[in-house]
Amino acid sequence: MSRAKSKKEDLIAQAEIYEKELSVEVGEIKQQIKEKGSQALIIGGVLLGSYLLYSLLSGSEKKTKSEAKEGGSFIGGAIKSYAIALALSLAKDKLVEFLQQLEENNQEVRSEK
């Protein structure tokens, strides 16, 4: 009887250890998902902001004949181009950062196997 009891206690102890390890791993996975989700939201926000800024600065499609001939304001066009370039640059930087972190995580997972 004592042998069965000690084996049961050993199994219970092992189960507790596995449960703790699993809870730690689940916590790490949740943290990684949270980080990736926030990065994706930032990238999406930058892209949405770029699009809204572009549509705001480009104005409506209906122009008078004199505006169509002039081609719009030079300063307005320059500001619009600069704003779009800046927004796209920020989006590119965030995407590159996201891809680098994703690659680092993949390498960590591969090295653990």
N, C-alpha and C. Protein backbone atom coordinates (compact mmCIF):
# COMPACT_ATOMS: atom_id res chain seq x y z
N MET A 1 0.80 -1.18 0.00
CA MET A 1 0.00 0.00 0.00
C MET A 1 0.86 1.26 0.00
N SER A 2 1.94 1.25 0.77
CA SER A 2 2.77 2.44 0.87
C SER A 2 3.47 2.75 -0.46
N ARG A 3 3.79 1.69 -1.20
CA ARG A 3 4.44 1.89 -2.50
C ARG A 3 3.47 2.57 -3.46
N ALA A 4 2.23 2.15 -3.49
CA ALA A 4 1.21 2.77 -4.35
C ALA A 4 0.97 4.21 -3.91
N LYS A 5 1.00 4.44 -2.61
CA LYS A 5 0.78 5.78 -2.09
C LYS A 5 1.92 6.72 -2.48
N SER A 6 3.15 6.24 -2.39
CA SER A 6 4.30 7.07 -2.75
C SER A 6 4.32 7.34 -4.26
N LYS A 7 3.93 6.36 -5.05
CA LYS A 7 3.86 6.55 -6.50
C LYS A 7 2.80 7.60 -6.84
N LYS A 8 1.67 7.54 -6.14
CA LYS A 8 0.60 8.51 -6.35
C LYS A 8 1.08 9.91 -6.00
N GLU A 9 1.80 10.04 -4.90
CA GLU A 9 2.33 11.34 -4.49
C GLU A 9 3.33 11.86 -5.51
N ASP A 10 4.17 10.98 -6.04
CA ASP A 10 5.13 11.37 -7.08
C ASP A 10 4.41 11.87 -8.33
N LEU A 11 3.38 11.17 -8.73
CA LEU A 11 2.62 11.58 -9.91
C LEU A 11 1.92 12.92 -9.69
N ILE A 12 1.39 13.12 -8.49
CA ILE A 12 0.74 14.39 -8.17
C ILE A 12 1.77 15.52 -8.21
N ALA A 13 2.96 15.27 -7.67
CA ALA A 13 4.02 16.28 -7.69
C ALA A 13 4.43 16.61 -9.12
N GLN A 14 4.57 15.60 -9.96
CA GLN A 14 4.92 15.82 -11.37
C GLN A 14 3.81 16.61 -12.08
N ALA A 15 2.57 16.29 -11.79
CA ALA A 15 1.45 17.00 -12.41
C ALA A 15 1.47 18.47 -12.03
N GLU A 16 1.80 18.76 -10.77
CA GLU A 16 1.88 20.15 -10.32
C GLU A 16 3.01 20.89 -11.03
N ILE A 17 4.14 20.21 -11.21
CA ILE A 17 5.26 20.83 -11.92
C ILE A 17 4.86 21.14 -13.36
N TYR A 18 4.23 20.17 -14.04
CA TYR A 18 3.81 20.39 -15.42
C TYR A 18 2.77 21.52 -15.51
N GLU A 19 1.90 21.58 -14.53
CA GLU A 19 0.87 22.62 -14.53
C GLU A 19 1.52 24.01 -14.40
N LYS A 20 2.51 24.13 -13.53
CA LYS A 20 3.22 25.41 -13.37
C LYS A 20 3.94 25.79 -14.66
N GLU A 21 4.62 24.81 -15.27
CA GLU A 21 5.34 25.08 -16.52
C GLU A 21 4.38 25.51 -17.62
N LEU A 22 3.25 24.84 -17.71
CA LEU A 22 2.26 25.20 -18.73
C LEU A 22 1.70 26.59 -18.49
N SER A 23 1.45 26.94 -17.25
CA SER A 23 0.90 28.27 -16.97
C SER A 23 1.92 29.36 -17.31
N VAL A 24 3.21 29.08 -17.09
CA VAL A 24 4.25 30.04 -17.47
C VAL A 24 4.30 30.19 -18.98
N GLU A 25 4.25 29.07 -19.70
CA GLU A 25 4.28 29.13 -21.16
C GLU A 25 3.06 29.83 -21.73
N VAL A 26 1.90 29.58 -21.16
CA VAL A 26 0.68 30.25 -21.62
C VAL A 26 0.80 31.75 -21.37
N GLY A 27 1.35 32.14 -20.25
CA GLY A 27 1.56 33.56 -19.96
C GLY A 27 2.49 34.21 -20.96
N GLU A 28 3.56 33.51 -21.33
CA GLU A 28 4.50 34.03 -22.33
C GLU A 28 3.81 34.18 -23.68
N ILE A 29 3.02 33.19 -24.06
CA ILE A 29 2.32 33.25 -25.34
C ILE A 29 1.33 34.41 -25.35
N LYS A 30 0.62 34.60 -24.26
CA LYS A 30 -0.31 35.74 -24.17
C LYS A 30 0.42 37.05 -24.33
N GLN A 31 1.60 37.18 -23.69
CA GLN A 31 2.38 38.41 -23.79
C GLN A 31 2.83 38.65 -25.22
N GLN A 32 3.29 37.59 -25.90
CA GLN A 32 3.73 37.74 -27.29
C GLN A 32 2.57 38.15 -28.19
N ILE A 33 1.41 37.57 -27.97
CA ILE A 33 0.23 37.92 -28.77
C ILE A 33 -0.15 39.36 -28.53
N LYS A 34 -0.07 39.79 -27.29
CA LYS A 34 -0.39 41.18 -26.96
C LYS A 34 0.57 42.14 -27.66
N GLU A 35 1.86 41.82 -27.64
CA GLU A 35 2.86 42.66 -28.30
C GLU A 35 2.62 42.73 -29.81
N LYS A 36 2.40 41.56 -30.42
CA LYS A 36 2.20 41.52 -31.87
C LYS A 36 0.91 42.25 -32.26
N GLY A 37 -0.12 42.09 -31.44
CA GLY A 37 -1.37 42.77 -31.72
C GLY A 37 -1.23 44.28 -31.64
N SER A 38 -0.49 44.76 -30.65
CA SER A 38 -0.31 46.20 -30.53
C SER A 38 0.53 46.73 -31.68
N GLN A 39 1.53 45.97 -32.11
CA GLN A 39 2.32 46.39 -33.26
C GLN A 39 1.47 46.43 -34.54
N ALA A 40 0.62 45.44 -34.70
CA ALA A 40 -0.25 45.42 -35.87
C ALA A 40 -1.22 46.60 -35.84
N LEU A 41 -1.71 46.94 -34.66
CA LEU A 41 -2.60 48.10 -34.54
C LEU A 41 -1.87 49.39 -34.87
N ILE A 42 -0.63 49.51 -34.43
CA ILE A 42 0.15 50.71 -34.72
C ILE A 42 0.37 50.83 -36.23
N ILE A 43 0.74 49.73 -36.86
CA ILE A 43 0.98 49.74 -38.31
C ILE A 43 -0.31 50.10 -39.04
N GLY A 44 -1.41 49.48 -38.64
CA GLY A 44 -2.69 49.79 -39.26
C GLY A 44 -3.09 51.24 -39.05
N GLY A 45 -2.84 51.76 -37.86
CA GLY A 45 -3.15 53.16 -37.57
C GLY A 45 -2.33 54.11 -38.43
N VAL A 46 -1.05 53.80 -38.60
CA VAL A 46 -0.20 54.65 -39.43
C VAL A 46 -0.68 54.62 -40.88
N LEU A 47 -1.01 53.43 -41.36
CA LEU A 47 -1.49 53.33 -42.74
C LEU A 47 -2.83 54.05 -42.91
N LEU A 48 -3.72 53.90 -41.95
CA LEU A 48 -5.01 54.58 -42.01
C LEU A 48 -4.82 56.09 -41.95
N GLY A 49 -3.94 56.52 -41.07
CA GLY A 49 -3.65 57.95 -40.98
C GLY A 49 -3.07 58.48 -42.28
N SER A 50 -2.20 57.70 -42.90
CA SER A 50 -1.62 58.11 -44.19
C SER A 50 -2.71 58.26 -45.24
N TYR A 51 -3.60 57.29 -45.27
CA TYR A 51 -4.68 57.34 -46.26
C TYR A 51 -5.59 58.54 -46.01
N LEU A 52 -5.95 58.76 -44.74
CA LEU A 52 -6.83 59.89 -44.43
C LEU A 52 -6.15 61.22 -44.74
N LEU A 53 -4.87 61.31 -44.42
CA LEU A 53 -4.13 62.53 -44.72
C LEU A 53 -4.05 62.76 -46.22
N TYR A 54 -3.81 61.69 -46.95
CA TYR A 54 -3.75 61.80 -48.41
C TYR A 54 -5.09 62.25 -48.98
N SER A 55 -6.17 61.61 -48.51
CA SER A 55 -7.48 61.98 -49.04
C SER A 55 -7.88 63.39 -48.63
N LEU A 56 -7.46 63.82 -47.44
CA LEU A 56 -7.76 65.18 -46.99
C LEU A 56 -7.00 66.20 -47.82
N LEU A 57 -5.72 65.94 -48.05
CA LEU A 57 -4.91 66.90 -48.79
C LEU A 57 -5.16 66.87 -50.29
N SER A 58 -5.59 65.75 -50.80
CA SER A 58 -5.82 65.68 -52.24
C SER A 58 -7.12 66.38 -52.61
N GLY A 59 -8.03 66.55 -51.67
CA GLY A 59 -9.28 67.25 -51.93
C GLY A 59 -10.23 66.40 -52.74
N SER A 60 -11.30 67.03 -53.17
CA SER A 60 -12.29 66.30 -53.94
C SER A 60 -11.86 66.19 -55.40
N GLU A 61 -12.51 65.30 -56.10
CA GLU A 61 -12.19 65.08 -57.51
C GLU A 61 -12.80 66.17 -58.40
N LYS A 62 -13.82 66.84 -57.92
CA LYS A 62 -14.48 67.86 -58.71
C LYS A 62 -13.72 69.18 -58.58
N LYS A 63 -13.08 69.59 -59.64
CA LYS A 63 -12.33 70.85 -59.65
C LYS A 63 -12.90 71.73 -60.76
N THR A 64 -12.74 72.99 -60.52
CA THR A 64 -13.17 73.91 -61.57
C THR A 64 -12.16 73.86 -62.70
N LYS A 65 -12.52 74.43 -63.84
CA LYS A 65 -11.63 74.38 -65.00
C LYS A 65 -10.34 75.14 -64.75
N SER A 66 -10.41 76.25 -64.03
CA SER A 66 -9.20 77.03 -63.78
C SER A 66 -8.25 76.27 -62.84
N GLU A 67 -8.79 75.54 -61.84
CA GLU A 67 -7.96 74.75 -60.94
C GLU A 67 -7.32 73.59 -61.68
N ALA A 68 -8.06 73.00 -62.58
CA ALA A 68 -7.54 71.87 -63.35
C ALA A 68 -6.38 72.33 -64.24
N LYS A 69 -6.49 73.53 -64.80
CA LYS A 69 -5.43 74.05 -65.66
C LYS A 69 -4.19 74.40 -64.86
N GLU A 70 -4.38 74.95 -63.65
CA GLU A 70 -3.25 75.35 -62.83
C GLU A 70 -2.52 74.15 -62.25
N GLY A 71 -3.23 73.08 -62.04
CA GLY A 71 -2.61 71.89 -61.47
C GLY A 71 -2.51 71.95 -59.96
N GLY A 72 -3.19 72.87 -59.32
CA GLY A 72 -3.17 72.97 -57.86
C GLY A 72 -2.00 73.80 -57.38
N SER A 73 -1.96 74.05 -56.13
CA SER A 73 -0.91 74.86 -55.53
C SER A 73 0.38 74.07 -55.41
N PHE A 74 1.49 74.72 -55.70
CA PHE A 74 2.78 74.07 -55.58
C PHE A 74 3.10 73.74 -54.13
N ILE A 75 2.83 74.68 -53.24
CA ILE A 75 3.11 74.48 -51.82
C ILE A 75 2.23 73.36 -51.26
N GLY A 76 0.95 73.37 -51.64
CA GLY A 76 0.04 72.32 -51.18
C GLY A 76 0.49 70.95 -51.65
N GLY A 77 0.93 70.88 -52.89
CA GLY A 77 1.42 69.61 -53.43
C GLY A 77 2.68 69.14 -52.72
N ALA A 78 3.57 70.08 -52.41
CA ALA A 78 4.81 69.74 -51.72
C ALA A 78 4.52 69.23 -50.31
N ILE A 79 3.62 69.92 -49.61
CA ILE A 79 3.26 69.50 -48.25
C ILE A 79 2.61 68.12 -48.28
N LYS A 80 1.72 67.93 -49.25
CA LYS A 80 1.05 66.63 -49.38
C LYS A 80 2.06 65.52 -49.65
N SER A 81 2.99 65.75 -50.54
CA SER A 81 4.00 64.74 -50.85
C SER A 81 4.87 64.43 -49.64
N TYR A 82 5.26 65.47 -48.90
CA TYR A 82 6.09 65.28 -47.72
C TYR A 82 5.34 64.50 -46.65
N ALA A 83 4.07 64.84 -46.43
CA ALA A 83 3.28 64.16 -45.41
C ALA A 83 3.09 62.68 -45.76
N ILE A 84 2.82 62.40 -47.02
CA ILE A 84 2.64 61.02 -47.45
C ILE A 84 3.95 60.24 -47.31
N ALA A 85 5.06 60.85 -47.69
CA ALA A 85 6.35 60.19 -47.57
C ALA A 85 6.68 59.90 -46.11
N LEU A 86 6.39 60.85 -45.24
CA LEU A 86 6.65 60.67 -43.81
C LEU A 86 5.81 59.54 -43.24
N ALA A 87 4.52 59.52 -43.57
CA ALA A 87 3.63 58.48 -43.06
C ALA A 87 4.03 57.10 -43.58
N LEU A 88 4.39 57.03 -44.84
CA LEU A 88 4.81 55.74 -45.40
C LEU A 88 6.14 55.28 -44.82
N SER A 89 7.02 56.22 -44.52
CA SER A 89 8.29 55.88 -43.88
C SER A 89 8.06 55.32 -42.49
N LEU A 90 7.16 55.93 -41.73
CA LEU A 90 6.84 55.41 -40.40
C LEU A 90 6.23 54.01 -40.48
N ALA A 91 5.33 53.83 -41.44
CA ALA A 91 4.72 52.51 -41.61
C ALA A 91 5.77 51.47 -41.99
N LYS A 92 6.70 51.85 -42.86
CA LYS A 92 7.77 50.93 -43.27
C LYS A 92 8.64 50.55 -42.08
N ASP A 93 9.00 51.53 -41.26
CA ASP A 93 9.83 51.25 -40.09
C ASP A 93 9.13 50.29 -39.13
N LYS A 94 7.84 50.50 -38.90
CA LYS A 94 7.09 49.62 -38.01
C LYS A 94 6.99 48.20 -38.59
N LEU A 95 6.79 48.10 -39.89
CA LEU A 95 6.73 46.77 -40.53
C LEU A 95 8.06 46.04 -40.43
N VAL A 96 9.15 46.76 -40.67
CA VAL A 96 10.48 46.16 -40.58
C VAL A 96 10.74 45.69 -39.16
N GLU A 97 10.40 46.52 -38.18
CA GLU A 97 10.58 46.15 -36.77
C GLU A 97 9.76 44.91 -36.42
N PHE A 98 8.52 44.88 -36.89
CA PHE A 98 7.65 43.73 -36.64
C PHE A 98 8.22 42.47 -37.25
N LEU A 99 8.70 42.55 -38.49
CA LEU A 99 9.26 41.37 -39.16
C LEU A 99 10.54 40.89 -38.49
N GLN A 100 11.37 41.82 -38.00
CA GLN A 100 12.59 41.43 -37.30
C GLN A 100 12.26 40.69 -36.01
N GLN A 101 11.28 41.20 -35.26
CA GLN A 101 10.91 40.54 -34.02
C GLN A 101 10.29 39.16 -34.30
N LEU A 102 9.53 39.09 -35.36
CA LEU A 102 8.93 37.81 -35.74
C LEU A 102 10.03 36.80 -36.10
N GLU A 103 11.04 37.24 -36.82
CA GLU A 103 12.15 36.36 -37.20
C GLU A 103 12.94 35.94 -35.96
N GLU A 104 13.16 36.86 -35.02
CA GLU A 104 13.88 36.51 -33.79
C GLU A 104 13.10 35.46 -32.99
N ASN A 105 11.79 35.64 -32.92
CA ASN A 105 10.97 34.67 -32.19
C ASN A 105 11.01 33.31 -32.87
N ASN A 106 11.00 33.29 -34.20
CA ASN A 106 11.07 32.01 -34.92
C ASN A 106 12.42 31.33 -34.67
N GLN A 107 13.50 32.11 -34.61
CA GLN A 107 14.80 31.53 -34.34
C GLN A 107 14.87 30.97 -32.92
N GLU A 108 14.24 31.67 -31.97
CA GLU A 108 14.23 31.18 -30.58
C GLU A 108 13.48 29.87 -30.49
N VAL A 109 12.36 29.79 -31.20
CA VAL A 109 11.55 28.57 -31.18
C VAL A 109 12.33 27.42 -31.81
N ARG A 110 13.01 27.70 -32.90
CA ARG A 110 13.81 26.66 -33.57
C ARG A 110 14.95 26.17 -32.68
N SER A 111 15.59 27.11 -31.98
CA SER A 111 16.72 26.72 -31.13
C SER A 111 16.27 25.92 -29.91
N GLU A 112 15.01 26.12 -29.46
CA GLU A 112 14.50 25.38 -28.32
C GLU A 112 14.20 23.93 -28.69
N LYS A 113 13.92 23.67 -29.95
CA LYS A 113 13.60 22.31 -30.40
C LYS A 113 14.84 21.53 -30.49
